[in-house]
Amino acid sequence: MPEDLYDRYQVASTAHRQHHATCTACTDTCRCPTGQRLYESFARLQDAYLNRQRPQRR
């Protein structure tokens, strides 16, 4: 299961970066609706992955 979460987190990261690289409306501080959705998905999955890793590192 952790690998599945990691894979989803990495896919979301790639999707966000690809969108950001090609979208003329997105900036570092302001995102278009699609860019915002992709960023929120990435951030949510990243938080979930990192929170799952913390207990394992102690």
C-alpha atoms as a PDB file:
ATOM      1  CA  MET A   1       0.000   0.000   0.000  1.00  0.00           C
ATOM      2  CA  PRO A   2       2.729   2.608   0.748  1.00  0.00           C
ATOM      3  CA  GLU A   3       4.158   2.085  -2.740  1.00  0.00           C
ATOM      4  CA  ASP A   4       0.708   2.711  -4.206  1.00  0.00           C
ATOM      5  CA  LEU A   5       0.458   5.987  -2.279  1.00  0.00           C
ATOM      6  CA  TYR A   6       3.993   6.911  -3.307  1.00  0.00           C
ATOM      7  CA  ASP A   7       3.225   6.157  -6.958  1.00  0.00           C
ATOM      8  CA  ARG A   8       0.067   8.275  -6.872  1.00  0.00           C
ATOM      9  CA  TYR A   9       1.988  11.099  -5.193  1.00  0.00           C
ATOM     10  CA  GLN A  10       4.674  10.959  -7.900  1.00  0.00           C
ATOM     11  CA  VAL A  11       2.098  10.874 -10.722  1.00  0.00           C
ATOM     12  CA  ALA A  12       0.359  13.907  -9.207  1.00  0.00           C
ATOM     13  CA  SER A  13       3.684  15.705  -8.934  1.00  0.00           C
ATOM     14  CA  THR A  14       4.489  15.015 -12.573  1.00  0.00           C
ATOM     15  CA  ALA A  15       1.038  16.135 -13.729  1.00  0.00           C
ATOM     16  CA  HIS A  16       1.328  19.366 -11.757  1.00  0.00           C
ATOM     17  CA  ARG A  17       4.843  20.117 -13.055  1.00  0.00           C
ATOM     18  CA  GLN A  18       3.881  19.389 -16.665  1.00  0.00           C
ATOM     19  CA  HIS A  19       0.820  21.603 -16.437  1.00  0.00           C
ATOM     20  CA  HIS A  20       2.770  24.415 -14.782  1.00  0.00           C
ATOM     21  CA  ALA A  21       5.442  24.242 -17.484  1.00  0.00           C
ATOM     22  CA  THR A  22       2.939  24.679 -20.311  1.00  0.00           C
ATOM     23  CA  CYS A  23       0.137  26.811 -18.853  1.00  0.00           C
ATOM     24  CA  THR A  24       0.475  30.502 -19.612  1.00  0.00           C
ATOM     25  CA  ALA A  25      -2.047  31.440 -16.907  1.00  0.00           C
ATOM     26  CA  CYS A  26      -0.218  29.744 -14.021  1.00  0.00           C
ATOM     27  CA  THR A  27       2.526  31.495 -12.077  1.00  0.00           C
ATOM     28  CA  ASP A  28       4.350  30.597  -8.871  1.00  0.00           C
ATOM     29  CA  THR A  29       1.781  32.519  -6.830  1.00  0.00           C
ATOM     30  CA  CYS A  30      -1.399  32.189  -8.901  1.00  0.00           C
ATOM     31  CA  ARG A  31      -2.865  29.145 -10.630  1.00  0.00           C
ATOM     32  CA  CYS A  32      -5.618  28.591 -13.167  1.00  0.00           C
ATOM     33  CA  PRO A  33      -8.501  26.330 -12.005  1.00  0.00           C
ATOM     34  CA  THR A  34      -6.897  23.231 -13.535  1.00  0.00           C
ATOM     35  CA  GLY A  35      -3.497  24.114 -12.109  1.00  0.00           C
ATOM     36  CA  GLN A  36      -5.032  24.668  -8.673  1.00  0.00           C
ATOM     37  CA  ARG A  37      -6.787  21.295  -8.808  1.00  0.00           C
ATOM     38  CA  LEU A  38      -3.564  19.537  -9.825  1.00  0.00           C
ATOM     39  CA  TYR A  39      -1.564  21.336  -7.126  1.00  0.00           C
ATOM     40  CA  GLU A  40      -4.101  20.498  -4.416  1.00  0.00           C
ATOM     41  CA  SER A  41      -4.113  16.843  -5.456  1.00  0.00           C
ATOM     42  CA  PHE A  42      -0.313  16.758  -5.367  1.00  0.00           C
ATOM     43  CA  ALA A  43      -0.143  18.510  -1.986  1.00  0.00           C
ATOM     44  CA  ARG A  44      -2.793  16.238  -0.447  1.00  0.00           C
ATOM     45  CA  LEU A  45      -1.028  13.080  -1.630  1.00  0.00           C
ATOM     46  CA  GLN A  46       2.372  14.393  -0.570  1.00  0.00           C
ATOM     47  CA  ASP A  47       1.062  15.183   2.919  1.00  0.00           C
ATOM     48  CA  ALA A  48      -0.514  11.725   3.187  1.00  0.00           C
ATOM     49  CA  TYR A  49       2.694  10.032   2.069  1.00  0.00           C
ATOM     50  CA  LEU A  50       4.922  12.041   4.415  1.00  0.00           C
ATOM     51  CA  ASN A  51       2.551  11.518   7.351  1.00  0.00           C
ATOM     52  CA  ARG A  52       2.655   7.780   6.719  1.00  0.00           C
ATOM     53  CA  GLN A  53       6.478   7.863   6.651  1.00  0.00           C
ATOM     54  CA  ARG A  54       6.916   9.725   9.956  1.00  0.00           C
ATOM     55  CA  PRO A  55       5.991   6.839  12.300  1.00  0.00           C
ATOM     56  CA  GLN A  56       8.318   4.532  10.382  1.00  0.00           C
ATOM     57  CA  ARG A  57      11.308   6.851  10.885  1.00  0.00           C
ATOM     58  CA  ARG A  58      11.088   7.013  14.687  1.00  0.00           C
END
